[in-house]
C-alpha atoms as a PDB file:
ATOM      1  CA  UNK A   1     -16.713 -19.464 111.547  1.00  0.00           C
ATOM      2  CA  UNK A   2     -20.198 -19.889 110.920  1.00  0.00           C
ATOM      3  CA  UNK A   3     -22.369 -17.902 113.801  1.00  0.00           C
ATOM      4  CA  UNK A   4     -25.970 -16.912 114.394  1.00  0.00           C
ATOM      5  CA  UNK A   5     -26.579 -13.561 113.443  1.00  0.00           C
ATOM      6  CA  UNK A   6     -30.329 -13.411 113.471  1.00  0.00           C
ATOM      7  CA  UNK A   7     -32.330 -11.639 116.499  1.00  0.00           C
ATOM      8  CA  UNK A   8     -31.506 -13.567 119.646  1.00  0.00           C
ATOM      9  CA  UNK A   9     -34.023 -12.186 121.741  1.00  0.00           C
ATOM     10  CA  UNK A  10     -36.380 -14.855 119.109  1.00  0.00           C
ATOM     11  CA  UNK A  11     -34.414 -18.071 120.560  1.00  0.00           C
ATOM     12  CA  UNK A  12     -35.630 -17.098 124.151  1.00  0.00           C
ATOM     13  CA  UNK A  13     -39.360 -16.901 123.079  1.00  0.00           C
ATOM     14  CA  UNK A  14     -39.058 -19.782 120.984  1.00  0.00           C
ATOM     15  CA  UNK A  15     -37.520 -21.822 123.739  1.00  0.00           C
ATOM     16  CA  UNK A  16     -40.432 -20.176 126.497  1.00  0.00           C
ATOM     17  CA  UNK A  17     -37.638 -18.965 129.025  1.00  0.00           C
ATOM     18  CA  UNK A  18     -34.891 -16.733 129.323  1.00  0.00           C
ATOM     19  CA  UNK A  19     -31.704 -17.787 127.830  1.00  0.00           C
ATOM     20  CA  UNK A  20     -29.771 -14.422 128.849  1.00  0.00           C
ATOM     21  CA  UNK A  21     -28.645 -13.664 125.171  1.00  0.00           C
ATOM     22  CA  UNK A  22     -28.347  -9.896 125.451  1.00  0.00           C
ATOM     23  CA  UNK A  23     -26.770  -9.040 128.904  1.00  0.00           C
ATOM     24  CA  UNK A  24     -27.876  -6.184 130.664  1.00  0.00           C
ATOM     25  CA  UNK A  25     -30.805  -5.996 128.846  1.00  0.00           C
ATOM     26  CA  UNK A  26     -32.251  -9.270 130.095  1.00  0.00           C
ATOM     27  CA  UNK A  27     -32.637  -8.071 133.281  1.00  0.00           C
ATOM     28  CA  UNK A  28     -34.584  -5.329 132.788  1.00  0.00           C
ATOM     29  CA  UNK A  29     -38.341  -4.450 131.940  1.00  0.00           C
ATOM     30  CA  UNK A  30     -37.147  -4.282 127.672  1.00  0.00           C
ATOM     31  CA  UNK A  31     -36.466  -8.376 128.096  1.00  0.00           C
ATOM     32  CA  UNK A  32     -38.607  -9.259 124.736  1.00  0.00           C
ATOM     33  CA  UNK A  33     -39.716 -12.914 126.803  1.00  0.00           C
ATOM     34  CA  UNK A  34     -41.315 -10.280 129.433  1.00  0.00           C
ATOM     35  CA  UNK A  35     -43.372  -8.168 126.935  1.00  0.00           C
ATOM     36  CA  UNK A  36     -44.568 -11.349 124.692  1.00  0.00           C
ATOM     37  CA  UNK A  37     -44.207 -14.364 126.465  1.00  0.00           C
ATOM     38  CA  UNK A  38     -44.935 -17.013 123.423  1.00  0.00           C
ATOM     39  CA  UNK A  39     -43.273 -17.834 120.213  1.00  0.00           C
ATOM     40  CA  UNK A  40     -42.136 -15.964 117.490  1.00  0.00           C
ATOM     41  CA  UNK A  41     -43.988 -16.194 114.497  1.00  0.00           C
ATOM     42  CA  UNK A  42     -47.212 -15.531 113.289  1.00  0.00           C
ATOM     43  CA  UNK A  43     -48.607 -19.204 115.245  1.00  0.00           C
ATOM     44  CA  UNK A  44     -46.227 -18.414 117.654  1.00  0.00           C
ATOM     45  CA  UNK A  45     -49.668 -17.915 120.048  1.00  0.00           C
ATOM     46  CA  UNK A  46     -51.523 -21.155 118.833  1.00  0.00           C
ATOM     47  CA  UNK A  47     -51.738 -24.012 121.111  1.00  0.00           C
ATOM     48  CA  UNK A  48     -49.251 -27.353 119.630  1.00  0.00           C
ATOM     49  CA  UNK A  49     -49.508 -30.734 120.013  1.00  0.00           C
ATOM     50  CA  UNK A  50     -45.723 -31.538 120.461  1.00  0.00           C
ATOM     51  CA  UNK A  51     -44.605 -35.258 119.995  1.00  0.00           C
ATOM     52  CA  UNK A  52     -41.831 -36.691 121.921  1.00  0.00           C
ATOM     53  CA  UNK A  53     -39.209 -36.141 119.525  1.00  0.00           C
ATOM     54  CA  UNK A  54     -40.361 -32.962 119.568  1.00  0.00           C
ATOM     55  CA  UNK A  55     -39.969 -32.186 123.105  1.00  0.00           C
ATOM     56  CA  UNK A  56     -36.320 -34.014 122.804  1.00  0.00           C
ATOM     57  CA  UNK A  57     -35.118 -31.533 120.031  1.00  0.00           C
ATOM     58  CA  UNK A  58     -36.340 -28.311 121.850  1.00  0.00           C
ATOM     59  CA  UNK A  59     -34.224 -29.299 124.815  1.00  0.00           C
ATOM     60  CA  UNK A  60     -31.070 -30.123 122.416  1.00  0.00           C
ATOM     61  CA  UNK A  61     -31.916 -26.426 120.913  1.00  0.00           C
ATOM     62  CA  UNK A  62     -32.223 -24.803 124.462  1.00  0.00           C
ATOM     63  CA  UNK A  63     -28.804 -25.913 125.464  1.00  0.00           C
ATOM     64  CA  UNK A  64     -26.907 -24.755 121.793  1.00  0.00           C
ATOM     65  CA  UNK A  65     -28.896 -21.666 122.122  1.00  0.00           C
ATOM     66  CA  UNK A  66     -28.103 -21.460 126.091  1.00  0.00           C
ATOM     67  CA  UNK A  67     -23.945 -22.046 125.236  1.00  0.00           C
ATOM     68  CA  UNK A  68     -23.810 -20.189 121.571  1.00  0.00           C
ATOM     69  CA  UNK A  69     -22.885 -23.263 120.263  1.00  0.00           C
ATOM     70  CA  UNK A  70     -23.624 -24.938 116.219  1.00  0.00           C
ATOM     71  CA  UNK A  71     -24.880 -28.492 115.750  1.00  0.00           C
ATOM     72  CA  UNK A  72     -21.479 -29.595 114.275  1.00  0.00           C
ATOM     73  CA  UNK A  73     -19.336 -29.143 117.477  1.00  0.00           C
ATOM     74  CA  UNK A  74     -22.644 -29.946 120.100  1.00  0.00           C
ATOM     75  CA  UNK A  75     -22.312 -33.496 118.110  1.00  0.00           C
ATOM     76  CA  UNK A  76     -18.521 -33.564 118.957  1.00  0.00           C
ATOM     77  CA  UNK A  77     -19.390 -32.246 122.417  1.00  0.00           C
ATOM     78  CA  UNK A  78     -21.701 -35.432 122.540  1.00  0.00           C
ATOM     79  CA  UNK A  79     -19.551 -37.780 121.264  1.00  0.00           C
ATOM     80  CA  UNK A  80     -16.890 -36.751 123.838  1.00  0.00           C
ATOM     81  CA  UNK A  81     -19.283 -37.335 126.541  1.00  0.00           C
ATOM     82  CA  UNK A  82     -20.262 -40.313 125.525  1.00  0.00           C
ATOM     83  CA  UNK A  83     -16.732 -41.717 125.984  1.00  0.00           C
ATOM     84  CA  UNK A  84     -16.230 -40.262 129.505  1.00  0.00           C
ATOM     85  CA  UNK A  85     -17.076 -42.440 132.333  1.00  0.00           C
ATOM     86  CA  UNK A  86     -20.271 -41.081 134.051  1.00  0.00           C
ATOM     87  CA  UNK A  87     -23.843 -40.289 133.386  1.00  0.00           C
ATOM     88  CA  UNK A  88     -23.441 -38.703 129.700  1.00  0.00           C
ATOM     89  CA  UNK A  89     -25.897 -35.945 129.919  1.00  0.00           C
ATOM     90  CA  UNK A  90     -23.958 -34.694 133.110  1.00  0.00           C
ATOM     91  CA  UNK A  91     -20.454 -34.979 131.499  1.00  0.00           C
ATOM     92  CA  UNK A  92     -22.212 -32.958 128.206  1.00  0.00           C
ATOM     93  CA  UNK A  93     -22.882 -29.989 130.187  1.00  0.00           C
ATOM     94  CA  UNK A  94     -19.798 -30.134 132.211  1.00  0.00           C
ATOM     95  CA  UNK A  95     -18.050 -29.674 129.198  1.00  0.00           C
ATOM     96  CA  UNK A  96     -19.996 -26.900 128.019  1.00  0.00           C
ATOM     97  CA  UNK A  97     -19.585 -25.369 131.040  1.00  0.00           C
ATOM     98  CA  UNK A  98     -15.900 -25.638 131.031  1.00  0.00           C
ATOM     99  CA  UNK A  99     -15.691 -23.396 127.361  1.00  0.00           C
ATOM    100  CA  UNK A 100     -13.364 -20.844 128.194  1.00  0.00           C
ATOM    101  CA  UNK A 101     -16.029 -18.091 126.744  1.00  0.00           C
ATOM    102  CA  UNK A 102     -18.353 -19.838 129.568  1.00  0.00           C
ATOM    103  CA  UNK A 103     -15.936 -19.708 132.371  1.00  0.00           C
ATOM    104  CA  UNK A 104     -15.305 -15.685 131.359  1.00  0.00           C
ATOM    105  CA  UNK A 105     -19.320 -15.329 131.462  1.00  0.00           C
ATOM    106  CA  UNK A 106     -19.491 -17.076 134.782  1.00  0.00           C
ATOM    107  CA  UNK A 107     -16.396 -15.105 136.359  1.00  0.00           C
ATOM    108  CA  UNK A 108     -18.735 -11.911 135.688  1.00  0.00           C
ATOM    109  CA  UNK A 109     -15.753 -10.169 133.238  1.00  0.00           C
ATOM    110  CA  UNK A 110     -18.614 -10.031 130.335  1.00  0.00           C
ATOM    111  CA  UNK A 111     -22.849  -9.634 130.573  1.00  0.00           C
ATOM    112  CA  UNK A 112     -23.250 -12.475 127.866  1.00  0.00           C
ATOM    113  CA  UNK A 113     -21.585 -15.360 126.472  1.00  0.00           C
ATOM    114  CA  UNK A 114     -21.377 -13.265 123.109  1.00  0.00           C
ATOM    115  CA  UNK A 115     -19.584 -11.086 124.869  1.00  0.00           C
ATOM    116  CA  UNK A 116     -17.488 -13.137 126.267  1.00  0.00           C
ATOM    117  CA  UNK A 117     -16.330 -14.530 123.132  1.00  0.00           C
ATOM    118  CA  UNK A 118     -15.464 -11.540 121.807  1.00  0.00           C
ATOM    119  CA  UNK A 119     -13.577 -10.631 124.336  1.00  0.00           C
ATOM    120  CA  UNK A 120     -11.319 -14.021 123.835  1.00  0.00           C
ATOM    121  CA  UNK A 121     -11.361 -13.932 120.485  1.00  0.00           C
ATOM    122  CA  UNK A 122      -9.509  -9.884 120.767  1.00  0.00           C
ATOM    123  CA  UNK A 123      -7.103 -11.767 123.445  1.00  0.00           C
ATOM    124  CA  UNK A 124      -7.874 -10.471 126.695  1.00  0.00           C
ATOM    125  CA  UNK A 125      -7.457 -13.297 128.727  1.00  0.00           C
ATOM    126  CA  UNK A 126      -4.840 -15.409 129.188  1.00  0.00           C
ATOM    127  CA  UNK A 127      -4.712 -19.378 130.730  1.00  0.00           C
ATOM    128  CA  UNK A 128      -1.873 -20.452 132.702  1.00  0.00           C
ATOM    129  CA  UNK A 129      -0.401 -17.576 131.557  1.00  0.00           C
ATOM    130  CA  UNK A 130      -0.420 -18.079 127.610  1.00  0.00           C
ATOM    131  CA  UNK A 131      -2.578 -15.802 125.780  1.00  0.00           C
ATOM    132  CA  UNK A 132      -5.391 -18.051 124.552  1.00  0.00           C
ATOM    133  CA  UNK A 133      -8.057 -16.602 121.779  1.00  0.00           C
ATOM    134  CA  UNK A 134     -10.396 -19.970 120.886  1.00  0.00           C
ATOM    135  CA  UNK A 135     -13.426 -19.527 122.659  1.00  0.00           C
ATOM    136  CA  UNK A 136     -14.270 -22.805 122.558  1.00  0.00           C
ATOM    137  CA  UNK A 137     -10.791 -23.982 124.472  1.00  0.00           C
ATOM    138  CA  UNK A 138     -12.105 -26.380 127.544  1.00  0.00           C
ATOM    139  CA  UNK A 139     -10.706 -25.359 130.601  1.00  0.00           C
ATOM    140  CA  UNK A 140      -9.340 -27.622 133.124  1.00  0.00           C
ATOM    141  CA  UNK A 141      -9.474 -27.918 136.663  1.00  0.00           C
ATOM    142  CA  UNK A 142      -6.340 -25.874 137.921  1.00  0.00           C
ATOM    143  CA  UNK A 143      -6.471 -23.609 135.304  1.00  0.00           C
ATOM    144  CA  UNK A 144      -5.892 -19.840 135.755  1.00  0.00           C
ATOM    145  CA  UNK A 145      -8.023 -17.704 133.474  1.00  0.00           C
ATOM    146  CA  UNK A 146      -6.657 -14.033 134.199  1.00  0.00           C
ATOM    147  CA  UNK A 147      -6.878 -10.331 132.416  1.00  0.00           C
ATOM    148  CA  UNK A 148      -4.080 -10.121 130.092  1.00  0.00           C
ATOM    149  CA  UNK A 149      -5.008  -6.430 129.659  1.00  0.00           C
ATOM    150  CA  UNK A 150      -5.628  -3.920 132.542  1.00  0.00           C
ATOM    151  CA  UNK A 151      -6.501  -1.229 130.740  1.00  0.00           C
ATOM    152  CA  UNK A 152      -9.726  -2.703 128.897  1.00  0.00           C
ATOM    153  CA  UNK A 153     -12.338  -0.558 130.311  1.00  0.00           C
ATOM    154  CA  UNK A 154     -15.226  -2.610 129.184  1.00  0.00           C
ATOM    155  CA  UNK A 155     -14.116  -5.533 131.367  1.00  0.00           C
ATOM    156  CA  UNK A 156     -14.012  -3.316 134.341  1.00  0.00           C
ATOM    157  CA  UNK A 157     -17.114  -2.274 133.602  1.00  0.00           C
ATOM    158  CA  UNK A 158     -18.573  -5.739 132.893  1.00  0.00           C
ATOM    159  CA  UNK A 159     -16.765  -6.824 136.548  1.00  0.00           C
ATOM    160  CA  UNK A 160     -18.285  -4.132 138.675  1.00  0.00           C
ATOM    161  CA  UNK A 161     -22.021  -4.394 136.990  1.00  0.00           C
ATOM    162  CA  UNK A 162     -21.830  -8.190 137.946  1.00  0.00           C
ATOM    163  CA  UNK A 163     -20.416  -7.443 142.018  1.00  0.00           C
ATOM    164  CA  UNK A 164     -23.321  -8.628 142.637  1.00  0.00           C
ATOM    165  CA  UNK A 165     -23.950 -12.013 140.791  1.00  0.00           C
ATOM    166  CA  UNK A 166     -22.667 -15.123 143.041  1.00  0.00           C
ATOM    167  CA  UNK A 167     -19.697 -16.305 142.011  1.00  0.00           C
ATOM    168  CA  UNK A 168     -19.708 -19.971 140.855  1.00  0.00           C
ATOM    169  CA  UNK A 169     -18.670 -22.879 144.036  1.00  0.00           C
ATOM    170  CA  UNK A 170     -15.971 -24.891 141.280  1.00  0.00           C
ATOM    171  CA  UNK A 171     -14.202 -21.300 140.757  1.00  0.00           C
ATOM    172  CA  UNK A 172     -11.969 -19.130 142.661  1.00  0.00           C
ATOM    173  CA  UNK A 173     -12.501 -15.825 141.850  1.00  0.00           C
ATOM    174  CA  UNK A 174     -10.006 -12.610 142.999  1.00  0.00           C
ATOM    175  CA  UNK A 175     -11.985  -9.509 141.296  1.00  0.00           C
ATOM    176  CA  UNK A 176      -9.706  -6.646 142.240  1.00  0.00           C
ATOM    177  CA  UNK A 177      -7.154  -9.097 140.250  1.00  0.00           C
ATOM    178  CA  UNK A 178      -9.622  -9.943 137.464  1.00  0.00           C
ATOM    179  CA  UNK A 179      -8.300 -13.500 138.006  1.00  0.00           C
ATOM    180  CA  UNK A 180     -10.941 -16.875 138.119  1.00  0.00           C
ATOM    181  CA  UNK A 181      -8.918 -20.499 139.148  1.00  0.00           C
ATOM    182  CA  UNK A 182     -10.621 -23.292 138.790  1.00  0.00           C
ATOM    183  CA  UNK A 183     -10.778 -25.141 141.785  1.00  0.00           C
ATOM    184  CA  UNK A 184     -12.466 -28.184 140.050  1.00  0.00           C
ATOM    185  CA  UNK A 185     -15.086 -29.292 137.353  1.00  0.00           C
ATOM    186  CA  UNK A 186     -18.659 -28.429 137.747  1.00  0.00           C
ATOM    187  CA  UNK A 187     -21.361 -31.165 139.121  1.00  0.00           C
ATOM    188  CA  UNK A 188     -24.677 -31.066 137.814  1.00  0.00           C
ATOM    189  CA  UNK A 189     -25.861 -29.410 140.854  1.00  0.00           C
ATOM    190  CA  UNK A 190     -23.586 -26.599 140.306  1.00  0.00           C
ATOM    191  CA  UNK A 191     -25.190 -25.983 136.696  1.00  0.00           C
ATOM    192  CA  UNK A 192     -28.572 -23.670 137.077  1.00  0.00           C
ATOM    193  CA  UNK A 193     -29.379 -24.050 133.549  1.00  0.00           C
ATOM    194  CA  UNK A 194     -33.123 -25.465 133.389  1.00  0.00           C
ATOM    195  CA  UNK A 195     -32.624 -28.448 130.760  1.00  0.00           C
ATOM    196  CA  UNK A 196     -33.493 -32.045 130.728  1.00  0.00           C
ATOM    197  CA  UNK A 197     -30.020 -33.347 129.540  1.00  0.00           C
ATOM    198  CA  UNK A 198     -31.484 -36.875 129.392  1.00  0.00           C
ATOM    199  CA  UNK A 199     -33.460 -35.681 126.258  1.00  0.00           C
ATOM    200  CA  UNK A 200     -30.633 -34.567 124.363  1.00  0.00           C
ATOM    201  CA  UNK A 201     -29.247 -38.114 125.225  1.00  0.00           C
ATOM    202  CA  UNK A 202     -32.337 -40.190 123.892  1.00  0.00           C
ATOM    203  CA  UNK A 203     -32.177 -38.017 120.957  1.00  0.00           C
ATOM    204  CA  UNK A 204     -28.864 -38.655 119.925  1.00  0.00           C
ATOM    205  CA  UNK A 205     -29.326 -42.046 120.763  1.00  0.00           C
ATOM    206  CA  UNK A 206     -31.837 -42.630 118.166  1.00  0.00           C
END
């Protein structure tokens, strides 16, 4: 399976905003964006004139990095969003939010989506009582995501650290039982990701 293996902090600096890819480090003073708030590379601090295409591309790249999805899968999600009723951009974000690794992260069982992806791959969670080890599994309304192995200290530690994080309104979280139930799929107003999704639609529609 292809995946990005470079320095993840460079991605936040490239997009000019925190994408929360490094877990706990992103909330500390060690965050690379806090220390060097400019794009990486030799010409990172130079002023550049960005074209319309460049603005659209950056929006797409930002969404891909935020959710940890590569191009081929991201395009599949866009095609899926186009076929659904409603606004394509909002459908796309809803699909990305319903990925199992994102749901595990939003529930506070992991410090980052990358960590959530690893926990899912290691078969630590069940969906409706069945073990699922596919991070890209798309959860549906009514699905129950539950910790399968109660002896995992890492997940317990993460859950305690994230106890102050607000629970998404589209999710019912039982922290003591390490269980999350999707009461509905998220609306655009429920997604706190700062991206102009209409730019992604415009880019793919060319």
